[in-house]
Amino acid sequence: MEKETVRYRIALNSTADVLAFTKTAVKIPHELFLVNGHHRLSAKSYLGVAVARISWEEIWLEADYDCYFDFERFIRQYSEKRR
């Protein structure tokens, strides 16, 4: 059985958002990534999340489970579920 991948567009408006997002991500036992059209970074890395915030126009959270309720404060748009 293939894993389902879920993507949400997120917004990180401040350094405090980056810190809060990362603190939430490190507590989750699933793989989490920040993606855009060209790059993929660990969502559990403070440095990676901070770099994405300042240099990417769009940030998408990609996970192998439905993480909506863990990150709903940051989610701006639902994308899709893929297998």
PDB file of N, CA and C in Angstrom:
ATOM      1  N   MET A   1       0.839  -1.182   0.000  1.00  0.00           N
ATOM      2  CA  MET A   1       0.000   0.000   0.000  1.00  0.00           C
ATOM      3  C   MET A   1       0.887   1.250   0.000  1.00  0.00           C
ATOM      4  N   GLU A   2       0.604   2.143  -0.914  1.00  0.00           N
ATOM      5  CA  GLU A   2       1.381   3.369  -1.003  1.00  0.00           C
ATOM      6  C   GLU A   2       0.926   4.375   0.041  1.00  0.00           C
ATOM      7  N   LYS A   3       1.872   5.202   0.460  1.00  0.00           N
ATOM      8  CA  LYS A   3       1.526   6.262   1.406  1.00  0.00           C
ATOM      9  C   LYS A   3       0.830   7.393   0.674  1.00  0.00           C
ATOM     10  N   GLU A   4      -0.085   8.026   1.364  1.00  0.00           N
ATOM     11  CA  GLU A   4      -0.781   9.181   0.825  1.00  0.00           C
ATOM     12  C   GLU A   4       0.039  10.426   1.158  1.00  0.00           C
ATOM     13  N   THR A   5       0.170  11.316   0.209  1.00  0.00           N
ATOM     14  CA  THR A   5       0.880  12.568   0.438  1.00  0.00           C
ATOM     15  C   THR A   5      -0.128  13.705   0.430  1.00  0.00           C
ATOM     16  N   VAL A   6      -0.043  14.560   1.432  1.00  0.00           N
ATOM     17  CA  VAL A   6      -0.942  15.701   1.560  1.00  0.00           C
ATOM     18  C   VAL A   6      -0.108  16.965   1.480  1.00  0.00           C
ATOM     19  N   ARG A   7      -0.625  17.974   0.775  1.00  0.00           N
ATOM     20  CA  ARG A   7       0.086  19.259   0.660  1.00  0.00           C
ATOM     21  C   ARG A   7      -0.818  20.400   1.066  1.00  0.00           C
ATOM     22  N   TYR A   8      -0.235  21.319   1.829  1.00  0.00           N
ATOM     23  CA  TYR A   8      -0.923  22.541   2.235  1.00  0.00           C
ATOM     24  C   TYR A   8      -0.010  23.728   1.975  1.00  0.00           C
ATOM     25  N   ARG A   9      -0.578  24.780   1.432  1.00  0.00           N
ATOM     26  CA  ARG A   9       0.180  26.024   1.298  1.00  0.00           C
ATOM     27  C   ARG A   9       0.157  26.697   2.664  1.00  0.00           C
ATOM     28  N   ILE A  10       1.329  27.143   3.120  1.00  0.00           N
ATOM     29  CA  ILE A  10       1.418  27.771   4.432  1.00  0.00           C
ATOM     30  C   ILE A  10       1.980  29.178   4.319  1.00  0.00           C
ATOM     31  N   ALA A  11       1.759  29.955   5.363  1.00  0.00           N
ATOM     32  CA  ALA A  11       2.319  31.303   5.461  1.00  0.00           C
ATOM     33  C   ALA A  11       3.047  31.404   6.786  1.00  0.00           C
ATOM     34  N   LEU A  12       4.268  31.885   6.722  1.00  0.00           N
ATOM     35  CA  LEU A  12       5.079  32.155   7.898  1.00  0.00           C
ATOM     36  C   LEU A  12       5.398  33.644   7.857  1.00  0.00           C
ATOM     37  N   ASN A  13       4.687  34.422   8.659  1.00  0.00           N
ATOM     38  CA  ASN A  13       4.756  35.875   8.562  1.00  0.00           C
ATOM     39  C   ASN A  13       5.809  36.532   9.437  1.00  0.00           C
ATOM     40  N   SER A  14       6.406  35.771  10.334  1.00  0.00           N
ATOM     41  CA  SER A  14       7.375  36.374  11.253  1.00  0.00           C
ATOM     42  C   SER A  14       8.361  35.319  11.732  1.00  0.00           C
ATOM     43  N   THR A  15       9.387  35.771  12.406  1.00  0.00           N
ATOM     44  CA  THR A  15      10.346  34.860  13.014  1.00  0.00           C
ATOM     45  C   THR A  15       9.669  34.027  14.094  1.00  0.00           C
ATOM     46  N   ALA A  16       8.722  34.610  14.793  1.00  0.00           N
ATOM     47  CA  ALA A  16       7.971  33.868  15.808  1.00  0.00           C
ATOM     48  C   ALA A  16       7.181  32.729  15.158  1.00  0.00           C
ATOM     49  N   ASP A  17       6.640  32.951  13.966  1.00  0.00           N
ATOM     50  CA  ASP A  17       5.936  31.891  13.238  1.00  0.00           C
ATOM     51  C   ASP A  17       6.894  30.753  12.878  1.00  0.00           C
ATOM     52  N   VAL A  18       8.088  31.101  12.431  1.00  0.00           N
ATOM     53  CA  VAL A  18       9.086  30.085  12.087  1.00  0.00           C
ATOM     54  C   VAL A  18       9.404  29.231  13.306  1.00  0.00           C
ATOM     55  N   LEU A  19       9.605  29.867  14.443  1.00  0.00           N
ATOM     56  CA  LEU A  19       9.919  29.145  15.674  1.00  0.00           C
ATOM     57  C   LEU A  19       8.746  28.257  16.101  1.00  0.00           C
ATOM     58  N   ALA A  20       7.537  28.780  16.083  1.00  0.00           N
ATOM     59  CA  ALA A  20       6.357  28.006  16.485  1.00  0.00           C
ATOM     60  C   ALA A  20       6.123  26.841  15.530  1.00  0.00           C
ATOM     61  N   PHE A  21       6.281  27.076  14.238  1.00  0.00           N
ATOM     62  CA  PHE A  21       6.107  26.023  13.242  1.00  0.00           C
ATOM     63  C   PHE A  21       7.111  24.900  13.477  1.00  0.00           C
ATOM     64  N   THR A  22       8.371  25.258  13.662  1.00  0.00           N
ATOM     65  CA  THR A  22       9.425  24.263  13.862  1.00  0.00           C
ATOM     66  C   THR A  22       9.226  23.490  15.159  1.00  0.00           C
ATOM     67  N   LYS A  23       8.819  24.170  16.223  1.00  0.00           N
ATOM     68  CA  LYS A  23       8.563  23.480  17.492  1.00  0.00           C
ATOM     69  C   LYS A  23       7.457  22.448  17.343  1.00  0.00           C
ATOM     70  N   THR A  24       6.448  22.755  16.552  1.00  0.00           N
ATOM     71  CA  THR A  24       5.374  21.800  16.299  1.00  0.00           C
ATOM     72  C   THR A  24       5.889  20.641  15.451  1.00  0.00           C
ATOM     73  N   ALA A  25       6.630  20.954  14.406  1.00  0.00           N
ATOM     74  CA  ALA A  25       7.103  19.930  13.461  1.00  0.00           C
ATOM     75  C   ALA A  25       8.003  18.895  14.125  1.00  0.00           C
ATOM     76  N   VAL A  26       8.884  19.310  15.010  1.00  0.00           N
ATOM     77  CA  VAL A  26       9.821  18.354  15.614  1.00  0.00           C
ATOM     78  C   VAL A  26       9.131  17.362  16.543  1.00  0.00           C
ATOM     79  N   LYS A  27       7.930  17.670  17.001  1.00  0.00           N
ATOM     80  CA  LYS A  27       7.195  16.768  17.883  1.00  0.00           C
ATOM     81  C   LYS A  27       6.447  15.671  17.120  1.00  0.00           C
ATOM     82  N   ILE A  28       6.379  15.787  15.812  1.00  0.00           N
ATOM     83  CA  ILE A  28       5.583  14.874  14.998  1.00  0.00           C
ATOM     84  C   ILE A  28       6.474  13.754  14.469  1.00  0.00           C
ATOM     85  N   PRO A  29       6.058  12.497  14.649  1.00  0.00           N
ATOM     86  CA  PRO A  29       6.902  11.365  14.241  1.00  0.00           C
ATOM     87  C   PRO A  29       6.834  11.020  12.751  1.00  0.00           C
ATOM     88  N   HIS A  30       6.212  11.855  11.956  1.00  0.00           N
ATOM     89  CA  HIS A  30       6.107  11.622  10.515  1.00  0.00           C
ATOM     90  C   HIS A  30       7.120  12.495   9.778  1.00  0.00           C
ATOM     91  N   GLU A  31       7.370  12.153   8.513  1.00  0.00           N
ATOM     92  CA  GLU A  31       8.224  12.988   7.682  1.00  0.00           C
ATOM     93  C   GLU A  31       7.439  14.211   7.232  1.00  0.00           C
ATOM     94  N   LEU A  32       8.058  15.370   7.351  1.00  0.00           N
ATOM     95  CA  LEU A  32       7.447  16.637   6.937  1.00  0.00           C
ATOM     96  C   LEU A  32       8.466  17.404   6.107  1.00  0.00           C
ATOM     97  N   PHE A  33       8.007  17.961   5.001  1.00  0.00           N
ATOM     98  CA  PHE A  33       8.895  18.728   4.139  1.00  0.00           C
ATOM     99  C   PHE A  33       8.247  20.039   3.743  1.00  0.00           C
ATOM    100  N   LEU A  34       9.079  21.033   3.523  1.00  0.00           N
ATOM    101  CA  LEU A  34       8.653  22.276   2.890  1.00  0.00           C
ATOM    102  C   LEU A  34       9.097  22.170   1.440  1.00  0.00           C
ATOM    103  N   VAL A  35       8.193  22.472   0.528  1.00  0.00           N
ATOM    104  CA  VAL A  35       8.506  22.365  -0.889  1.00  0.00           C
ATOM    105  C   VAL A  35       8.026  23.608  -1.623  1.00  0.00           C
ATOM    106  N   ASN A  36       8.691  23.868  -2.722  1.00  0.00           N
ATOM    107  CA  ASN A  36       8.198  24.819  -3.704  1.00  0.00           C
ATOM    108  C   ASN A  36       8.456  24.166  -5.055  1.00  0.00           C
ATOM    109  N   GLY A  37       8.425  24.873  -6.106  1.00  0.00           N
ATOM    110  CA  GLY A  37       8.598  24.253  -7.416  1.00  0.00           C
ATOM    111  C   GLY A  37       9.949  23.610  -7.655  1.00  0.00           C
ATOM    112  N   HIS A  38      10.974  24.013  -6.909  1.00  0.00           N
ATOM    113  CA  HIS A  38      12.328  23.557  -7.205  1.00  0.00           C
ATOM    114  C   HIS A  38      13.060  22.935  -6.026  1.00  0.00           C
ATOM    115  N   HIS A  39      12.625  23.192  -4.810  1.00  0.00           N
ATOM    116  CA  HIS A  39      13.384  22.771  -3.638  1.00  0.00           C
ATOM    117  C   HIS A  39      12.513  22.000  -2.661  1.00  0.00           C
ATOM    118  N   ARG A  40      13.179  21.229  -1.820  1.00  0.00           N
ATOM    119  CA  ARG A  40      12.513  20.435  -0.785  1.00  0.00           C
ATOM    120  C   ARG A  40      13.413  20.450   0.447  1.00  0.00           C
ATOM    121  N   LEU A  41      12.877  20.944   1.561  1.00  0.00           N
ATOM    122  CA  LEU A  41      13.637  21.056   2.803  1.00  0.00           C
ATOM    123  C   LEU A  41      12.891  20.379   3.941  1.00  0.00           C
ATOM    124  N   SER A  42      13.627  19.951   4.942  1.00  0.00           N
ATOM    125  CA  SER A  42      12.999  19.382   6.123  1.00  0.00           C
ATOM    126  C   SER A  42      12.220  20.464   6.862  1.00  0.00           C
ATOM    127  N   ALA A  43      10.978  20.166   7.210  1.00  0.00           N
ATOM    128  CA  ALA A  43      10.157  21.114   7.973  1.00  0.00           C
ATOM    129  C   ALA A  43      10.532  21.098   9.451  1.00  0.00           C
ATOM    130  N   LYS A  44      11.447  20.225   9.827  1.00  0.00           N
ATOM    131  CA  LYS A  44      11.879  20.125  11.221  1.00  0.00           C
ATOM    132  C   LYS A  44      13.170  20.891  11.482  1.00  0.00           C
ATOM    133  N   SER A  45      13.697  21.523  10.461  1.00  0.00           N
ATOM    134  CA  SER A  45      14.936  22.292  10.572  1.00  0.00           C
ATOM    135  C   SER A  45      14.613  23.785  10.680  1.00  0.00           C
ATOM    136  N   TYR A  46      14.982  24.379  11.803  1.00  0.00           N
ATOM    137  CA  TYR A  46      14.728  25.814  11.978  1.00  0.00           C
ATOM    138  C   TYR A  46      15.393  26.614  10.856  1.00  0.00           C
ATOM    139  N   LEU A  47      16.628  26.288  10.541  1.00  0.00           N
ATOM    140  CA  LEU A  47      17.336  27.017   9.488  1.00  0.00           C
ATOM    141  C   LEU A  47      16.641  26.848   8.141  1.00  0.00           C
ATOM    142  N   GLY A  48      16.224  25.621   7.821  1.00  0.00           N
ATOM    143  CA  GLY A  48      15.527  25.382   6.556  1.00  0.00           C
ATOM    144  C   GLY A  48      14.220  26.149   6.461  1.00  0.00           C
ATOM    145  N   VAL A  49      13.455  26.153   7.544  1.00  0.00           N
ATOM    146  CA  VAL A  49      12.180  26.875   7.560  1.00  0.00           C
ATOM    147  C   VAL A  49      12.425  28.376   7.428  1.00  0.00           C
ATOM    148  N   ALA A  50      13.443  28.886   8.123  1.00  0.00           N
ATOM    149  CA  ALA A  50      13.768  30.320   8.047  1.00  0.00           C
ATOM    150  C   ALA A  50      14.206  30.715   6.634  1.00  0.00           C
ATOM    151  N   VAL A  51      15.006  29.887   6.006  1.00  0.00           N
ATOM    152  CA  VAL A  51      15.448  30.167   4.633  1.00  0.00           C
ATOM    153  C   VAL A  51      14.254  30.165   3.683  1.00  0.00           C
ATOM    154  N   ALA A  52      13.377  29.188   3.826  1.00  0.00           N
ATOM    155  CA  ALA A  52      12.188  29.140   2.976  1.00  0.00           C
ATOM    156  C   ALA A  52      11.348  30.399   3.162  1.00  0.00           C
ATOM    157  N   ARG A  53      11.184  30.825   4.385  1.00  0.00           N
ATOM    158  CA  ARG A  53      10.367  32.014   4.669  1.00  0.00           C
ATOM    159  C   ARG A  53      10.899  33.253   3.958  1.00  0.00           C
ATOM    160  N   ILE A  54      12.198  33.444   3.979  1.00  0.00           N
ATOM    161  CA  ILE A  54      12.734  34.688   3.408  1.00  0.00           C
ATOM    162  C   ILE A  54      13.015  34.612   1.908  1.00  0.00           C
ATOM    163  N   SER A  55      13.125  33.395   1.354  1.00  0.00           N
ATOM    164  CA  SER A  55      13.535  33.342  -0.048  1.00  0.00           C
ATOM    165  C   SER A  55      12.515  32.715  -1.005  1.00  0.00           C
ATOM    166  N   TRP A  56      11.484  32.078  -0.502  1.00  0.00           N
ATOM    167  CA  TRP A  56      10.493  31.458  -1.382  1.00  0.00           C
ATOM    168  C   TRP A  56       9.238  32.307  -1.454  1.00  0.00           C
ATOM    169  N   GLU A  57       8.674  32.419  -2.641  1.00  0.00           N
ATOM    170  CA  GLU A  57       7.413  33.139  -2.800  1.00  0.00           C
ATOM    171  C   GLU A  57       6.244  32.335  -2.242  1.00  0.00           C
ATOM    172  N   GLU A  58       6.251  31.018  -2.463  1.00  0.00           N
ATOM    173  CA  GLU A  58       5.216  30.129  -1.946  1.00  0.00           C
ATOM    174  C   GLU A  58       5.874  29.005  -1.166  1.00  0.00           C
ATOM    175  N   ILE A  59       5.282  28.670  -0.034  1.00  0.00           N
ATOM    176  CA  ILE A  59       5.781  27.563   0.776  1.00  0.00           C
ATOM    177  C   ILE A  59       4.650  26.551   0.940  1.00  0.00           C
ATOM    178  N   TRP A  60       4.947  25.319   0.626  1.00  0.00           N
ATOM    179  CA  TRP A  60       3.983  24.232   0.768  1.00  0.00           C
ATOM    180  C   TRP A  60       4.520  23.228   1.769  1.00  0.00           C
ATOM    181  N   LEU A  61       3.662  22.783   2.673  1.00  0.00           N
ATOM    182  CA  LEU A  61       3.991  21.734   3.620  1.00  0.00           C
ATOM    183  C   LEU A  61       3.530  20.417   3.012  1.00  0.00           C
ATOM    184  N   GLU A  62       4.431  19.460   2.932  1.00  0.00           N
ATOM    185  CA  GLU A  62       4.113  18.154   2.369  1.00  0.00           C
ATOM    186  C   GLU A  62       4.317  17.103   3.457  1.00  0.00           C
ATOM    187  N   ALA A  63       3.327  16.239   3.634  1.00  0.00           N
ATOM    188  CA  ALA A  63       3.385  15.226   4.687  1.00  0.00           C
ATOM    189  C   ALA A  63       2.775  13.924   4.208  1.00  0.00           C
ATOM    190  N   ASP A  64       3.135  12.851   4.888  1.00  0.00           N
ATOM    191  CA  ASP A  64       2.584  11.543   4.541  1.00  0.00           C
ATOM    192  C   ASP A  64       1.368  11.185   5.402  1.00  0.00           C
ATOM    193  N   TYR A  65       0.776  12.202   6.031  1.00  0.00           N
ATOM    194  CA  TYR A  65      -0.463  12.041   6.787  1.00  0.00           C
ATOM    195  C   TYR A  65      -1.176  13.382   6.775  1.00  0.00           C
ATOM    196  N   ASP A  66      -2.439  13.401   7.124  1.00  0.00           N
ATOM    197  CA  ASP A  66      -3.184  14.654   7.114  1.00  0.00           C
ATOM    198  C   ASP A  66      -2.856  15.453   8.372  1.00  0.00           C
ATOM    199  N   CYS A  67      -2.033  16.450   8.208  1.00  0.00           N
ATOM    200  CA  CYS A  67      -1.498  17.225   9.330  1.00  0.00           C
ATOM    201  C   CYS A  67      -2.236  18.555   9.542  1.00  0.00           C
ATOM    202  N   TYR A  68      -3.425  18.671   8.991  1.00  0.00           N
ATOM    203  CA  TYR A  68      -4.154  19.935   9.049  1.00  0.00           C
ATOM    204  C   TYR A  68      -4.258  20.487  10.467  1.00  0.00           C
ATOM    205  N   PHE A  69      -4.702  19.679  11.398  1.00  0.00           N
ATOM    206  CA  PHE A  69      -4.951  20.188  12.751  1.00  0.00           C
ATOM    207  C   PHE A  69      -3.669  20.517  13.507  1.00  0.00           C
ATOM    208  N   ASP A  70      -2.558  19.921  13.111  1.00  0.00           N
ATOM    209  CA  ASP A  70      -1.279  20.259  13.734  1.00  0.00           C
ATOM    210  C   ASP A  70      -0.781  21.634  13.288  1.00  0.00           C
ATOM    211  N   PHE A  71      -1.098  22.013  12.046  1.00  0.00           N
ATOM    212  CA  PHE A  71      -0.541  23.240  11.470  1.00  0.00           C
ATOM    213  C   PHE A  71      -1.603  24.218  10.984  1.00  0.00           C
ATOM    214  N   GLU A  72      -2.840  24.076  11.434  1.00  0.00           N
ATOM    215  CA  GLU A  72      -3.923  24.896  10.879  1.00  0.00           C
ATOM    216  C   GLU A  72      -3.681  26.391  11.018  1.00  0.00           C
ATOM    217  N   ARG A  73      -2.960  26.812  12.019  1.00  0.00           N
ATOM    218  CA  ARG A  73      -2.694  28.242  12.195  1.00  0.00           C
ATOM    219  C   ARG A  73      -1.841  28.813  11.059  1.00  0.00           C
ATOM    220  N   PHE A  74      -1.075  27.963  10.377  1.00  0.00           N
ATOM    221  CA  PHE A  74      -0.190  28.405   9.294  1.00  0.00           C
ATOM    222  C   PHE A  74      -0.757  28.119   7.907  1.00  0.00           C
ATOM    223  N   ILE A  75      -1.749  27.266   7.806  1.00  0.00           N
ATOM    224  CA  ILE A  75      -2.254  26.820   6.508  1.00  0.00           C
ATOM    225  C   ILE A  75      -3.114  27.899   5.862  1.00  0.00           C
ATOM    226  N   ARG A  76      -2.839  28.130   4.582  1.00  0.00           N
ATOM    227  CA  ARG A  76      -3.578  29.120   3.808  1.00  0.00           C
ATOM    228  C   ARG A  76      -4.394  28.490   2.697  1.00  0.00           C
ATOM    229  N   GLN A  77      -3.957  27.342   2.204  1.00  0.00           N
ATOM    230  CA  GLN A  77      -4.649  26.716   1.071  1.00  0.00           C
ATOM    231  C   GLN A  77      -4.350  25.227   1.060  1.00  0.00           C
ATOM    232  N   TYR A  78      -5.375  24.448   0.799  1.00  0.00           N
ATOM    233  CA  TYR A  78      -5.242  22.994   0.661  1.00  0.00           C
ATOM    234  C   TYR A  78      -4.920  22.694  -0.792  1.00  0.00           C
ATOM    235  N   SER A  79      -4.006  21.800  -1.031  1.00  0.00           N
ATOM    236  CA  SER A  79      -3.673  21.458  -2.403  1.00  0.00           C
ATOM    237  C   SER A  79      -4.296  20.148  -2.841  1.00  0.00           C
ATOM    238  N   GLU A  80      -3.776  19.037  -2.363  1.00  0.00           N
ATOM    239  CA  GLU A  80      -4.242  17.759  -2.891  1.00  0.00           C
ATOM    240  C   GLU A  80      -3.749  16.618  -2.025  1.00  0.00           C
ATOM    241  N   LYS A  81      -4.375  15.499  -2.237  1.00  0.00           N
ATOM    242  CA  LYS A  81      -3.895  14.239  -1.672  1.00  0.00           C
ATOM    243  C   LYS A  81      -3.442  13.408  -2.849  1.00  0.00           C
ATOM    244  N   ARG A  82      -2.271  12.840  -2.754  1.00  0.00           N
ATOM    245  CA  ARG A  82      -1.742  12.001  -3.834  1.00  0.00           C
ATOM    246  C   ARG A  82      -1.290  10.672  -3.261  1.00  0.00           C
ATOM    247  N   ARG A  83      -1.325   9.673  -4.079  1.00  0.00           N
ATOM    248  CA  ARG A  83      -0.788   8.353  -3.687  1.00  0.00           C
ATOM    249  C   ARG A  83       0.515   8.133  -4.388  1.00  0.00           C
TER     250      ARG A  83
END
